[in-house]
Amino acid sequence: MSLEWIIKIISENWPMFLRGAGLTLIIALIGTIIGAAIGLIAGVIRTIPTPERGIKKFILKVINIILSIYIEFFRGTPMIVQAMVIYYGSALAFGIDMNVFAAAIIVVSINTGAYMAEIVRGGIISVDKGQFEAAHAIGMNHVQTMWNIVLPQVIRNILPATGNQFVINIKDTSVLNVISVTELYFVTKSISGNNFKYFESFFVACLIYFVMTFIVTRILLYMERKLEGSDSYTVIGTDAQPLRGKLK
C-alpha cells in the first residue's frame, strides 16, 4: 500500500467521495426513518388482541397473514436481490420506469420495515401485562393504552436497535450499486477503475465508512443517554428542605 497514492487519490477525488458518502447517508437516513414507521405500524397491528369471533377476527387474521409474508420474505432474501427485483423487475413486468434514487429509498425502507416490525413487536410484548390490565381497568381502550402507555416505553427501548439498523443501512447501501445508485461504493469503484489502484481506493472508502458509522454510533449513544435522563433526583420531603440523593 502506497501512502502517496492514498493522499493523491483523496486530493484528486475528494468531491466524488464526498458526494458518494452524502448520498449514502441520505438513503440510509430516509430509509431508516420510513422503515421504522412501517415497522412501528406493522408491529402494533401484529400485537392487537384477536377477537373471539366476527368479521373483525377475519380481517385481523388476513392482515396478520399478509404482514407475516412481508416480514418473512424481506428478512429471508438479500437486499441486493430485492433491489434487482424492484428496479429491473418492475420495469420488465409492469413497464414502470423508476428513478434509481426512489428505488433505493423503497428497497432500504421496506427491508428495514421488515426487521423493525419484529423489533417493535418484541418491544411491545416485553411491556408488563399488568400495565395493559391497569389501563383497561381505568377505562382505556387498546388504542389509548398503546398510544399513552405502551408506545412511549417501546420507542425508548427500541432506540438502540433502531440505531443499529441505521448503521447497518449505511453499510448495506453498497449493494445498491447494482442498480447504478451513485453511493460511496459505486463512486469508489469508478475511481479505482480510472487509476487502477483498487486497494488504495477502497482503503479510502473503508475509512470513510468507518468514520460515518463511528460518528452516527456516538450520536445515537448520546441520544440514548439523554433519554435515560440523570440518575440524580431531588426528593421533596415533608419539611421545606429538599432531600437530594441518588435513587437506585
Protein backbone atom coordinates (compact mmCIF):
# COMPACT_ATOMS: atom_id res chain seq x y z
CA MET A 1 0.00 0.00 0.00
CA SER A 2 1.35 3.38 -1.00
CA LEU A 3 0.64 6.31 1.32
CA GLU A 4 1.48 8.70 -1.51
CA TRP A 5 -1.18 7.13 -3.72
CA ILE A 6 -3.76 7.31 -0.93
CA ILE A 7 -3.07 11.03 -0.45
CA LYS A 8 -3.18 11.57 -4.20
CA ILE A 9 -6.47 9.68 -4.58
CA ILE A 10 -8.04 11.72 -1.78
CA SER A 11 -6.75 15.05 -3.08
CA GLU A 12 -7.90 14.37 -6.64
CA ASN A 13 -11.23 12.69 -5.93
CA TRP A 14 -12.46 14.08 -2.61
CA PRO A 15 -15.53 15.78 -4.21
CA MET A 16 -16.65 12.41 -5.61
CA PHE A 17 -16.04 10.67 -2.30
CA LEU A 18 -17.97 13.43 -0.53
CA ARG A 19 -20.95 13.17 -2.89
CA GLY A 20 -20.98 9.39 -2.61
CA ALA A 21 -20.82 9.50 1.20
CA GLY A 22 -23.54 12.15 1.31
CA LEU A 23 -25.88 10.09 -0.86
CA THR A 24 -25.13 7.02 1.24
CA LEU A 25 -26.12 8.87 4.42
CA ILE A 26 -29.26 10.34 2.85
CA ILE A 27 -30.51 6.98 1.58
CA ALA A 28 -29.70 5.26 4.88
CA LEU A 29 -31.35 8.00 6.96
CA ILE A 30 -34.55 8.30 4.91
CA GLY A 31 -34.80 4.54 4.54
CA THR A 32 -34.37 4.01 8.28
CA ILE A 33 -37.00 6.64 9.18
CA ILE A 34 -39.58 5.29 6.73
CA GLY A 35 -38.70 1.71 7.65
CA ALA A 36 -39.09 2.49 11.35
CA ALA A 37 -42.54 3.95 10.65
CA ILE A 38 -43.51 0.86 8.65
CA GLY A 39 -42.18 -1.40 11.39
CA LEU A 40 -43.99 0.55 14.10
CA ILE A 41 -47.34 0.23 12.31
CA ALA A 42 -46.79 -3.44 11.48
CA GLY A 43 -45.59 -4.25 14.99
CA VAL A 44 -48.60 -2.58 16.61
CA ILE A 45 -51.05 -4.34 14.29
CA ARG A 46 -49.47 -7.73 14.99
CA THR A 47 -49.98 -7.28 18.73
CA ILE A 48 -53.66 -6.31 18.56
CA PRO A 49 -55.67 -8.84 20.60
CA THR A 50 -57.65 -11.11 18.28
CA PRO A 51 -61.43 -11.03 18.84
CA GLU A 52 -63.07 -14.36 19.58
CA ARG A 53 -65.43 -14.17 16.62
CA GLY A 54 -66.90 -11.93 13.95
CA ILE A 55 -65.70 -10.04 10.88
CA LYS A 56 -63.03 -8.21 12.88
CA LYS A 57 -61.33 -11.51 13.66
CA PHE A 58 -61.30 -12.47 9.97
CA ILE A 59 -59.94 -9.08 8.84
CA LEU A 60 -57.24 -9.04 11.52
CA LYS A 61 -56.23 -12.58 10.64
CA VAL A 62 -55.89 -11.72 6.94
CA ILE A 63 -53.82 -8.62 7.75
CA ASN A 64 -51.56 -10.63 10.05
CA ILE A 65 -51.02 -13.24 7.33
CA ILE A 66 -50.08 -10.52 4.83
CA LEU A 67 -47.70 -8.89 7.32
CA SER A 68 -46.14 -12.24 8.17
CA ILE A 69 -45.49 -12.95 4.47
CA TYR A 70 -43.99 -9.47 4.02
CA ILE A 71 -41.72 -9.83 7.05
CA GLU A 72 -40.56 -13.35 6.25
CA PHE A 73 -39.92 -12.55 2.59
CA PHE A 74 -37.87 -9.41 3.10
CA ARG A 75 -35.97 -10.83 6.06
CA GLY A 76 -35.27 -14.01 4.16
CA THR A 77 -33.92 -12.52 0.92
CA PRO A 78 -30.77 -10.41 0.33
CA MET A 79 -31.18 -6.69 -0.21
CA ILE A 80 -29.15 -6.91 -3.43
CA VAL A 81 -31.74 -9.31 -4.89
CA GLN A 82 -34.60 -7.12 -3.69
CA ALA A 83 -33.01 -4.14 -5.44
CA MET A 84 -32.75 -6.06 -8.72
CA VAL A 85 -36.35 -7.27 -8.50
CA ILE A 86 -37.84 -3.90 -7.55
CA TYR A 87 -35.87 -1.79 -10.05
CA TYR A 88 -35.41 -4.05 -13.08
CA GLY A 89 -38.34 -6.36 -12.34
CA SER A 90 -40.86 -3.52 -12.12
CA ALA A 91 -39.65 -2.19 -15.49
CA LEU A 92 -39.85 -5.58 -17.22
CA ALA A 93 -43.08 -6.80 -15.62
CA PHE A 94 -45.10 -3.60 -15.34
CA GLY A 95 -43.29 -1.10 -17.57
CA ILE A 96 -42.50 1.19 -14.63
CA ASP A 97 -39.51 3.44 -15.34
CA MET A 98 -38.42 4.01 -11.77
CA ASN A 99 -35.91 6.62 -10.69
CA VAL A 100 -32.85 4.94 -9.17
CA PHE A 101 -32.93 7.17 -6.08
CA ALA A 102 -36.61 6.39 -5.49
CA ALA A 103 -35.89 2.69 -6.00
CA ALA A 104 -33.04 2.87 -3.47
CA ILE A 105 -35.30 4.51 -0.86
CA ILE A 106 -38.03 1.92 -1.45
CA VAL A 107 -35.61 -1.01 -1.16
CA VAL A 108 -33.99 0.22 2.06
CA SER A 109 -37.32 1.26 3.59
CA ILE A 110 -39.22 -1.97 3.05
CA ASN A 111 -36.20 -4.04 4.05
CA THR A 112 -35.77 -2.03 7.24
CA GLY A 113 -39.52 -2.16 7.91
CA ALA A 114 -39.47 -5.96 7.95
CA TYR A 115 -36.78 -6.03 10.63
CA MET A 116 -38.25 -3.15 12.62
CA ALA A 117 -41.66 -4.84 12.71
CA GLU A 118 -40.22 -7.71 14.73
CA ILE A 119 -38.21 -5.33 16.90
CA VAL A 120 -41.34 -3.31 17.71
CA ARG A 121 -43.41 -6.43 18.32
CA GLY A 122 -40.77 -7.69 20.73
CA GLY A 123 -40.71 -4.31 22.48
CA ILE A 124 -44.50 -4.34 22.94
CA ILE A 125 -44.51 -7.92 24.21
CA SER A 126 -41.77 -7.02 26.72
CA VAL A 127 -44.02 -4.44 28.42
CA ASP A 128 -45.51 -5.92 31.58
CA LYS A 129 -49.06 -7.20 31.10
CA GLY A 130 -50.06 -5.53 34.33
CA GLN A 131 -49.80 -2.16 32.60
CA PHE A 132 -52.33 -3.26 29.97
CA GLU A 133 -54.66 -4.56 32.66
CA ALA A 134 -54.33 -1.37 34.71
CA ALA A 135 -55.08 0.78 31.64
CA HIS A 136 -58.15 -1.29 30.79
CA ALA A 137 -59.26 -1.11 34.42
CA ILE A 138 -59.45 2.70 34.26
CA GLY A 139 -61.44 2.58 31.02
CA MET A 140 -58.78 2.90 28.31
CA ASN A 141 -59.30 1.02 25.07
CA HIS A 142 -56.46 -0.71 23.21
CA VAL A 143 -55.58 2.32 21.09
CA GLN A 144 -55.43 4.65 24.09
CA THR A 145 -53.33 2.13 26.02
CA MET A 146 -50.85 1.77 23.18
CA TRP A 147 -50.59 5.49 22.48
CA ASN A 148 -50.37 6.79 26.06
CA ILE A 149 -48.64 3.99 27.97
CA VAL A 150 -47.01 1.32 25.82
CA LEU A 151 -45.53 3.08 22.78
CA PRO A 152 -43.56 5.72 24.75
CA GLN A 153 -41.80 2.87 26.55
CA VAL A 154 -41.36 0.84 23.37
CA ILE A 155 -39.84 3.71 21.38
CA ARG A 156 -37.37 4.36 24.17
CA ASN A 157 -36.48 0.67 24.49
CA ILE A 158 -36.02 0.03 20.76
CA LEU A 159 -33.86 3.11 20.13
CA PRO A 160 -30.59 1.10 20.35
CA ALA A 161 -31.92 -1.46 17.86
CA THR A 162 -33.13 1.32 15.55
CA GLY A 163 -29.73 3.00 15.70
CA ASN A 164 -28.07 -0.31 14.96
CA GLN A 165 -30.32 -0.73 11.93
CA PHE A 166 -29.30 2.75 10.73
CA VAL A 167 -25.63 1.78 10.96
CA ILE A 168 -26.37 -1.45 9.06
CA ASN A 169 -28.17 0.53 6.36
CA ILE A 170 -25.17 2.83 5.91
CA LYS A 171 -23.06 -0.20 5.06
CA ASP A 172 -25.74 -2.09 3.13
CA THR A 173 -26.35 0.77 0.70
CA SER A 174 -23.24 -0.53 -1.06
CA VAL A 175 -25.38 -3.25 -2.66
CA LEU A 176 -27.39 -0.57 -4.44
CA ASN A 177 -24.56 -0.13 -6.93
CA VAL A 178 -26.19 -2.98 -8.90
CA ILE A 179 -28.94 -0.55 -9.92
CA SER A 180 -26.41 2.25 -10.58
CA VAL A 181 -27.04 4.31 -7.46
CA THR A 182 -24.01 6.60 -7.17
CA GLU A 183 -23.40 5.94 -3.48
CA LEU A 184 -19.95 5.60 -1.91
CA TYR A 185 -19.19 2.09 -3.17
CA PHE A 186 -20.23 2.93 -6.74
CA VAL A 187 -18.10 6.09 -6.69
CA THR A 188 -15.10 4.19 -5.30
CA LYS A 189 -15.46 1.53 -7.99
CA SER A 190 -15.44 4.25 -10.66
CA ILE A 191 -12.36 5.92 -9.16
CA SER A 192 -10.44 2.64 -8.88
CA GLY A 193 -11.36 1.82 -12.46
CA ASN A 194 -9.74 5.05 -13.61
CA ASN A 195 -6.50 4.83 -11.64
CA PHE A 196 -6.21 1.01 -11.33
CA LYS A 197 -5.31 1.46 -7.66
CA TYR A 198 -8.03 -0.76 -6.25
CA PHE A 199 -6.52 -1.39 -2.84
CA GLU A 200 -5.75 2.26 -2.13
CA SER A 201 -9.12 3.48 -3.45
CA PHE A 202 -11.17 1.02 -1.43
CA PHE A 203 -8.99 1.62 1.63
CA VAL A 204 -10.10 5.25 1.47
CA ALA A 205 -13.72 4.11 1.13
CA CYS A 206 -13.24 1.82 4.11
CA LEU A 207 -12.03 4.74 6.22
CA ILE A 208 -14.99 6.88 5.13
CA TYR A 209 -17.48 4.14 6.03
CA PHE A 210 -15.80 3.75 9.41
CA VAL A 211 -15.88 7.49 10.13
CA MET A 212 -19.58 7.69 9.18
CA THR A 213 -20.63 4.72 11.30
CA PHE A 214 -18.43 5.81 14.22
CA ILE A 215 -19.94 9.32 14.29
CA VAL A 216 -23.50 8.01 13.92
CA THR A 217 -22.93 5.49 16.71
CA ARG A 218 -21.64 8.18 19.07
CA ILE A 219 -24.60 10.45 18.28
CA LEU A 220 -27.03 7.62 18.99
CA LEU A 221 -25.30 6.80 22.28
CA TYR A 222 -25.62 10.47 23.26
CA MET A 223 -29.34 10.41 22.43
CA GLU A 224 -29.81 7.23 24.49
CA ARG A 225 -28.16 8.86 27.50
CA LYS A 226 -30.38 11.91 27.10
CA LEU A 227 -33.49 9.75 27.02
CA GLU A 228 -32.34 7.83 30.08
CA GLY A 229 -32.05 11.09 31.98
CA SER A 230 -29.95 11.84 35.01
CA ASP A 231 -29.51 9.44 37.92
CA SER A 232 -29.74 12.34 40.35
CA TYR A 233 -33.14 13.41 41.61
CA THR A 234 -34.48 15.99 44.01
CA VAL A 235 -36.91 14.46 46.52
CA ILE A 236 -39.13 16.92 48.36
CA GLY A 237 -39.70 15.82 51.94
CA THR A 238 -42.39 16.81 54.38
CA ASP A 239 -40.31 19.77 55.55
CA ALA A 240 -39.29 22.72 53.43
CA GLN A 241 -35.78 21.40 52.82
CA PRO A 242 -35.34 19.26 49.68
CA LEU A 243 -33.63 15.95 50.16
CA ARG A 244 -31.01 15.38 47.46
CA GLY A 245 -29.91 11.88 46.78
CA LYS A 246 -29.26 9.26 44.22
CA LEU A 247 -32.08 6.79 43.79
CA LYS A 248 -31.22 3.31 42.59
